[in-house]
Amino acid sequence: MRWVDTVAADQCPVGFVIEQVVEGHVLAIANVKGMFKVTDGICPHQGGSIGKGTLHHYDNCVVRCPWHGWEYDLETGQHQTIPSLELKTYETRIVNGMVQVGMDND
C-alpha cells in the first residue's frame, strides 16, 4: 500500500462529504466528527456520485447517494439494507494538513 494526498483536511468540513478523483479513482471523502472516511465514489446501484451525497445517521457514519437514496456505512462500505452490496473503503491519515488515502500497489 502507498499513501496518496487527496485534499486539504480543511476543505472538507465536519458533517460533509466531497468527491475527489485520485489517480483515476473517483473517491468520496467524508468528515465524520473530525475523522475522515474514504470510499469508492460511485454508487454500485446506477453510478450516482457518493461524494455529492449527504451524511445521515451522523453517529453511525452513513452516506446517502443523491440519485436514489441508497445508503452505505462509511466504516464498512456495506449498503444499509443489502449487505452483499458494498463500496470499497480506504485507510486514511492526515499528514501536513492533507487527507491521505492508502492505495493498492497496482
N, C-alpha and C. Protein backbone atom coordinates (compact mmCIF):
# COMPACT_ATOMS: atom_id res chain seq x y z
N MET A 1 0.85 -1.17 0.00
CA MET A 1 0.00 0.00 0.00
C MET A 1 0.90 1.24 0.00
N ARG A 2 0.43 2.27 -0.69
CA ARG A 2 1.14 3.54 -0.70
C ARG A 2 0.17 4.65 -0.34
N TRP A 3 0.67 5.70 0.27
CA TRP A 3 -0.16 6.82 0.72
C TRP A 3 -0.16 7.91 -0.33
N VAL A 4 -1.36 8.41 -0.65
CA VAL A 4 -1.53 9.42 -1.69
C VAL A 4 -2.35 10.58 -1.13
N ASP A 5 -1.89 11.82 -1.39
CA ASP A 5 -2.65 13.00 -0.99
C ASP A 5 -3.97 13.06 -1.76
N THR A 6 -5.04 13.49 -1.06
CA THR A 6 -6.33 13.66 -1.73
C THR A 6 -6.77 15.11 -1.71
N VAL A 7 -6.95 15.68 -0.53
CA VAL A 7 -7.48 17.03 -0.38
C VAL A 7 -6.99 17.58 0.96
N ALA A 8 -6.89 18.91 1.05
CA ALA A 8 -6.55 19.52 2.34
C ALA A 8 -7.69 19.25 3.32
N ALA A 9 -7.35 18.86 4.53
CA ALA A 9 -8.37 18.50 5.52
C ALA A 9 -9.37 19.62 5.75
N ASP A 10 -8.93 20.86 5.67
CA ASP A 10 -9.86 21.98 5.91
C ASP A 10 -10.81 22.25 4.75
N GLN A 11 -10.65 21.52 3.66
CA GLN A 11 -11.56 21.66 2.51
C GLN A 11 -12.78 20.76 2.61
N CYS A 12 -12.81 19.90 3.63
CA CYS A 12 -13.96 19.01 3.86
C CYS A 12 -14.41 19.18 5.31
N PRO A 13 -15.36 20.10 5.55
CA PRO A 13 -15.80 20.38 6.91
C PRO A 13 -16.50 19.20 7.58
N VAL A 14 -16.53 19.22 8.89
CA VAL A 14 -17.25 18.19 9.66
C VAL A 14 -18.69 18.11 9.17
N GLY A 15 -19.16 16.88 8.96
CA GLY A 15 -20.55 16.65 8.55
C GLY A 15 -20.77 16.69 7.05
N PHE A 16 -19.70 16.82 6.26
CA PHE A 16 -19.83 16.89 4.81
C PHE A 16 -19.08 15.75 4.14
N VAL A 17 -19.47 15.48 2.89
CA VAL A 17 -18.78 14.52 2.04
C VAL A 17 -18.51 15.21 0.71
N ILE A 18 -17.32 14.97 0.15
CA ILE A 18 -16.95 15.58 -1.12
C ILE A 18 -16.42 14.51 -2.07
N GLU A 19 -16.40 14.86 -3.35
CA GLU A 19 -15.87 13.95 -4.37
C GLU A 19 -14.48 14.42 -4.76
N GLN A 20 -13.58 13.47 -4.95
CA GLN A 20 -12.23 13.78 -5.38
C GLN A 20 -11.76 12.65 -6.30
N VAL A 21 -11.11 13.00 -7.41
CA VAL A 21 -10.54 11.99 -8.30
C VAL A 21 -9.05 11.90 -7.99
N VAL A 22 -8.62 10.69 -7.65
CA VAL A 22 -7.23 10.45 -7.27
C VAL A 22 -6.70 9.30 -8.10
N GLU A 23 -5.70 9.59 -8.91
CA GLU A 23 -5.08 8.58 -9.77
C GLU A 23 -6.13 7.82 -10.58
N GLY A 24 -7.11 8.53 -11.08
CA GLY A 24 -8.15 7.93 -11.92
C GLY A 24 -9.27 7.26 -11.15
N HIS A 25 -9.21 7.25 -9.82
CA HIS A 25 -10.26 6.66 -8.99
C HIS A 25 -11.15 7.77 -8.43
N VAL A 26 -12.46 7.63 -8.61
CA VAL A 26 -13.39 8.58 -8.02
C VAL A 26 -13.61 8.15 -6.57
N LEU A 27 -13.31 9.05 -5.64
CA LEU A 27 -13.43 8.75 -4.21
C LEU A 27 -14.43 9.69 -3.55
N ALA A 28 -15.08 9.19 -2.51
CA ALA A 28 -15.92 10.00 -1.64
C ALA A 28 -15.16 10.17 -0.33
N ILE A 29 -14.95 11.41 0.08
CA ILE A 29 -14.21 11.72 1.29
C ILE A 29 -15.17 12.39 2.26
N ALA A 30 -15.39 11.76 3.40
CA ALA A 30 -16.35 12.26 4.38
C ALA A 30 -15.63 12.64 5.67
N ASN A 31 -16.10 13.72 6.29
CA ASN A 31 -15.57 14.15 7.57
C ASN A 31 -16.64 13.89 8.62
N VAL A 32 -16.43 12.84 9.40
CA VAL A 32 -17.37 12.44 10.44
C VAL A 32 -16.75 12.76 11.79
N LYS A 33 -17.21 13.84 12.39
CA LYS A 33 -16.70 14.27 13.70
C LYS A 33 -15.19 14.42 13.72
N GLY A 34 -14.63 14.93 12.62
CA GLY A 34 -13.20 15.15 12.53
C GLY A 34 -12.39 13.95 12.09
N MET A 35 -13.05 12.83 11.88
CA MET A 35 -12.39 11.62 11.37
C MET A 35 -12.75 11.47 9.90
N PHE A 36 -11.75 11.27 9.05
CA PHE A 36 -12.01 11.16 7.62
C PHE A 36 -12.22 9.71 7.22
N LYS A 37 -13.29 9.51 6.46
CA LYS A 37 -13.65 8.19 5.93
C LYS A 37 -13.65 8.31 4.41
N VAL A 38 -13.04 7.35 3.73
CA VAL A 38 -12.95 7.39 2.27
C VAL A 38 -13.46 6.08 1.70
N THR A 39 -14.33 6.19 0.69
CA THR A 39 -14.86 5.03 -0.02
C THR A 39 -14.77 5.28 -1.52
N ASP A 40 -15.03 4.23 -2.30
CA ASP A 40 -15.24 4.45 -3.72
C ASP A 40 -16.33 5.48 -3.86
N GLY A 41 -16.24 6.31 -4.88
CA GLY A 41 -17.16 7.41 -5.02
C GLY A 41 -18.32 7.18 -5.97
N ILE A 42 -18.44 5.97 -6.51
CA ILE A 42 -19.52 5.68 -7.46
C ILE A 42 -20.45 4.63 -6.85
N CYS A 43 -21.73 4.96 -6.77
CA CYS A 43 -22.73 4.03 -6.23
C CYS A 43 -22.88 2.83 -7.16
N PRO A 44 -22.80 1.61 -6.64
CA PRO A 44 -22.94 0.42 -7.49
C PRO A 44 -24.35 0.23 -8.04
N HIS A 45 -25.32 0.96 -7.52
CA HIS A 45 -26.70 0.83 -7.99
C HIS A 45 -26.82 1.32 -9.44
N GLN A 46 -26.61 2.63 -9.66
CA GLN A 46 -26.71 3.16 -11.02
C GLN A 46 -25.68 4.25 -11.30
N GLY A 47 -24.59 4.25 -10.55
CA GLY A 47 -23.48 5.14 -10.85
C GLY A 47 -23.56 6.54 -10.29
N GLY A 48 -24.42 6.77 -9.31
CA GLY A 48 -24.50 8.09 -8.68
C GLY A 48 -23.21 8.45 -7.96
N SER A 49 -23.00 9.75 -7.78
CA SER A 49 -21.79 10.24 -7.13
C SER A 49 -21.97 10.25 -5.61
N ILE A 50 -21.33 9.31 -4.93
CA ILE A 50 -21.40 9.25 -3.47
C ILE A 50 -20.84 10.53 -2.86
N GLY A 51 -19.81 11.10 -3.47
CA GLY A 51 -19.20 12.32 -2.96
C GLY A 51 -20.08 13.55 -3.07
N LYS A 52 -21.18 13.44 -3.79
CA LYS A 52 -22.14 14.54 -3.88
C LYS A 52 -23.38 14.23 -3.05
N GLY A 53 -23.27 13.17 -2.24
CA GLY A 53 -24.37 12.77 -1.36
C GLY A 53 -24.33 13.54 -0.05
N THR A 54 -25.04 13.01 0.93
CA THR A 54 -25.12 13.64 2.24
C THR A 54 -24.90 12.61 3.33
N LEU A 55 -24.40 13.09 4.48
CA LEU A 55 -24.23 12.20 5.63
C LEU A 55 -25.53 12.14 6.40
N HIS A 56 -25.87 10.94 6.86
CA HIS A 56 -27.08 10.72 7.65
C HIS A 56 -26.73 9.82 8.82
N HIS A 57 -27.63 9.74 9.77
CA HIS A 57 -27.37 8.91 10.95
C HIS A 57 -25.96 9.22 11.43
N TYR A 58 -25.72 10.50 11.67
CA TYR A 58 -24.38 11.05 11.92
C TYR A 58 -23.52 10.16 12.81
N ASP A 59 -24.06 9.65 13.90
CA ASP A 59 -23.25 8.81 14.78
C ASP A 59 -22.91 7.48 14.14
N ASN A 60 -23.72 7.06 13.17
CA ASN A 60 -23.48 5.77 12.53
C ASN A 60 -22.65 5.89 11.27
N CYS A 61 -22.32 7.12 10.87
CA CYS A 61 -21.38 7.27 9.77
C CYS A 61 -21.94 6.70 8.47
N VAL A 62 -23.09 7.20 8.04
CA VAL A 62 -23.77 6.70 6.84
C VAL A 62 -23.84 7.80 5.79
N VAL A 63 -23.53 7.44 4.53
CA VAL A 63 -23.64 8.37 3.42
C VAL A 63 -24.79 7.93 2.52
N ARG A 64 -25.54 8.91 2.02
CA ARG A 64 -26.69 8.64 1.14
C ARG A 64 -26.37 9.12 -0.27
N CYS A 65 -26.53 8.21 -1.25
CA CYS A 65 -26.34 8.56 -2.65
C CYS A 65 -27.41 9.57 -3.07
N PRO A 66 -27.03 10.63 -3.78
CA PRO A 66 -28.01 11.66 -4.15
C PRO A 66 -28.99 11.22 -5.23
N TRP A 67 -28.70 10.18 -5.97
CA TRP A 67 -29.58 9.78 -7.07
C TRP A 67 -30.83 9.06 -6.58
N HIS A 68 -30.68 8.02 -5.79
CA HIS A 68 -31.83 7.21 -5.39
C HIS A 68 -31.90 6.94 -3.89
N GLY A 69 -31.04 7.60 -3.12
CA GLY A 69 -31.12 7.48 -1.67
C GLY A 69 -30.51 6.23 -1.07
N TRP A 70 -29.76 5.47 -1.86
CA TRP A 70 -29.12 4.28 -1.29
C TRP A 70 -28.10 4.72 -0.25
N GLU A 71 -28.06 4.01 0.88
CA GLU A 71 -27.21 4.40 2.00
C GLU A 71 -26.14 3.34 2.28
N TYR A 72 -24.94 3.84 2.58
CA TYR A 72 -23.79 2.97 2.84
C TYR A 72 -23.09 3.40 4.13
N ASP A 73 -22.67 2.40 4.90
CA ASP A 73 -21.89 2.64 6.11
C ASP A 73 -20.47 3.02 5.69
N LEU A 74 -19.97 4.14 6.16
CA LEU A 74 -18.64 4.60 5.76
C LEU A 74 -17.51 3.81 6.40
N GLU A 75 -17.78 3.11 7.48
CA GLU A 75 -16.75 2.27 8.12
C GLU A 75 -16.52 0.98 7.32
N THR A 76 -17.62 0.35 6.92
CA THR A 76 -17.53 -0.97 6.28
C THR A 76 -17.77 -0.93 4.78
N GLY A 77 -18.42 0.13 4.30
CA GLY A 77 -18.80 0.22 2.90
C GLY A 77 -20.10 -0.49 2.58
N GLN A 78 -20.68 -1.22 3.55
CA GLN A 78 -21.88 -2.01 3.29
C GLN A 78 -23.12 -1.14 3.11
N HIS A 79 -23.95 -1.58 2.15
CA HIS A 79 -25.27 -0.97 1.95
C HIS A 79 -26.08 -1.24 3.21
N GLN A 80 -26.94 -0.30 3.59
CA GLN A 80 -27.68 -0.41 4.84
C GLN A 80 -28.70 -1.54 4.87
N THR A 81 -29.28 -1.91 3.74
CA THR A 81 -30.30 -2.97 3.75
C THR A 81 -29.95 -4.16 2.86
N ILE A 82 -28.92 -4.03 2.02
CA ILE A 82 -28.49 -5.14 1.16
C ILE A 82 -27.00 -5.38 1.44
N PRO A 83 -26.69 -6.16 2.48
CA PRO A 83 -25.30 -6.31 2.92
C PRO A 83 -24.34 -6.84 1.86
N SER A 84 -24.87 -7.51 0.83
CA SER A 84 -23.98 -8.03 -0.21
C SER A 84 -23.46 -6.92 -1.12
N LEU A 85 -24.09 -5.74 -1.08
CA LEU A 85 -23.61 -4.59 -1.85
C LEU A 85 -22.70 -3.75 -0.96
N GLU A 86 -21.57 -3.36 -1.49
CA GLU A 86 -20.69 -2.53 -0.68
C GLU A 86 -19.78 -1.67 -1.55
N LEU A 87 -19.34 -0.59 -0.95
CA LEU A 87 -18.33 0.28 -1.53
C LEU A 87 -16.98 -0.12 -0.95
N LYS A 88 -15.94 -0.03 -1.75
CA LYS A 88 -14.60 -0.26 -1.23
C LYS A 88 -14.27 0.88 -0.26
N THR A 89 -13.66 0.55 0.87
CA THR A 89 -13.22 1.56 1.83
C THR A 89 -11.69 1.64 1.80
N TYR A 90 -11.17 2.78 2.21
CA TYR A 90 -9.74 3.03 2.19
C TYR A 90 -9.26 3.51 3.55
N GLU A 91 -8.05 3.12 3.91
CA GLU A 91 -7.43 3.65 5.12
C GLU A 91 -7.09 5.11 4.88
N THR A 92 -7.16 5.91 5.94
CA THR A 92 -6.83 7.33 5.82
C THR A 92 -5.90 7.77 6.95
N ARG A 93 -5.23 8.87 6.70
CA ARG A 93 -4.44 9.54 7.72
C ARG A 93 -4.29 11.00 7.30
N ILE A 94 -3.91 11.85 8.25
CA ILE A 94 -3.66 13.26 7.98
C ILE A 94 -2.16 13.50 8.11
N VAL A 95 -1.55 14.05 7.07
CA VAL A 95 -0.13 14.39 7.08
C VAL A 95 0.02 15.81 6.53
N ASN A 96 0.62 16.68 7.34
CA ASN A 96 0.82 18.08 6.93
C ASN A 96 -0.47 18.73 6.43
N GLY A 97 -1.58 18.43 7.11
CA GLY A 97 -2.86 19.04 6.77
C GLY A 97 -3.58 18.43 5.58
N MET A 98 -3.01 17.39 4.99
CA MET A 98 -3.62 16.73 3.84
C MET A 98 -4.23 15.40 4.26
N VAL A 99 -5.42 15.12 3.73
CA VAL A 99 -6.02 13.79 3.91
C VAL A 99 -5.31 12.87 2.93
N GLN A 100 -4.69 11.84 3.46
CA GLN A 100 -4.05 10.84 2.60
C GLN A 100 -4.86 9.56 2.65
N VAL A 101 -4.85 8.85 1.52
CA VAL A 101 -5.57 7.59 1.41
C VAL A 101 -4.57 6.50 1.04
N GLY A 102 -4.76 5.33 1.62
CA GLY A 102 -3.91 4.19 1.30
C GLY A 102 -4.41 3.51 0.04
N MET A 103 -3.61 3.59 -1.02
CA MET A 103 -3.98 3.00 -2.32
C MET A 103 -3.22 1.69 -2.51
N ASP A 104 -3.87 0.75 -3.19
CA ASP A 104 -3.22 -0.51 -3.52
C ASP A 104 -2.04 -0.26 -4.45
N ASN A 105 -1.03 -1.09 -4.32
CA ASN A 105 0.09 -1.05 -5.26
C ASN A 105 -0.31 -1.85 -6.49
N ASP A 106 -0.64 -1.15 -7.58
CA ASP A 106 -1.00 -1.90 -8.80
C ASP A 106 0.10 -1.86 -9.79
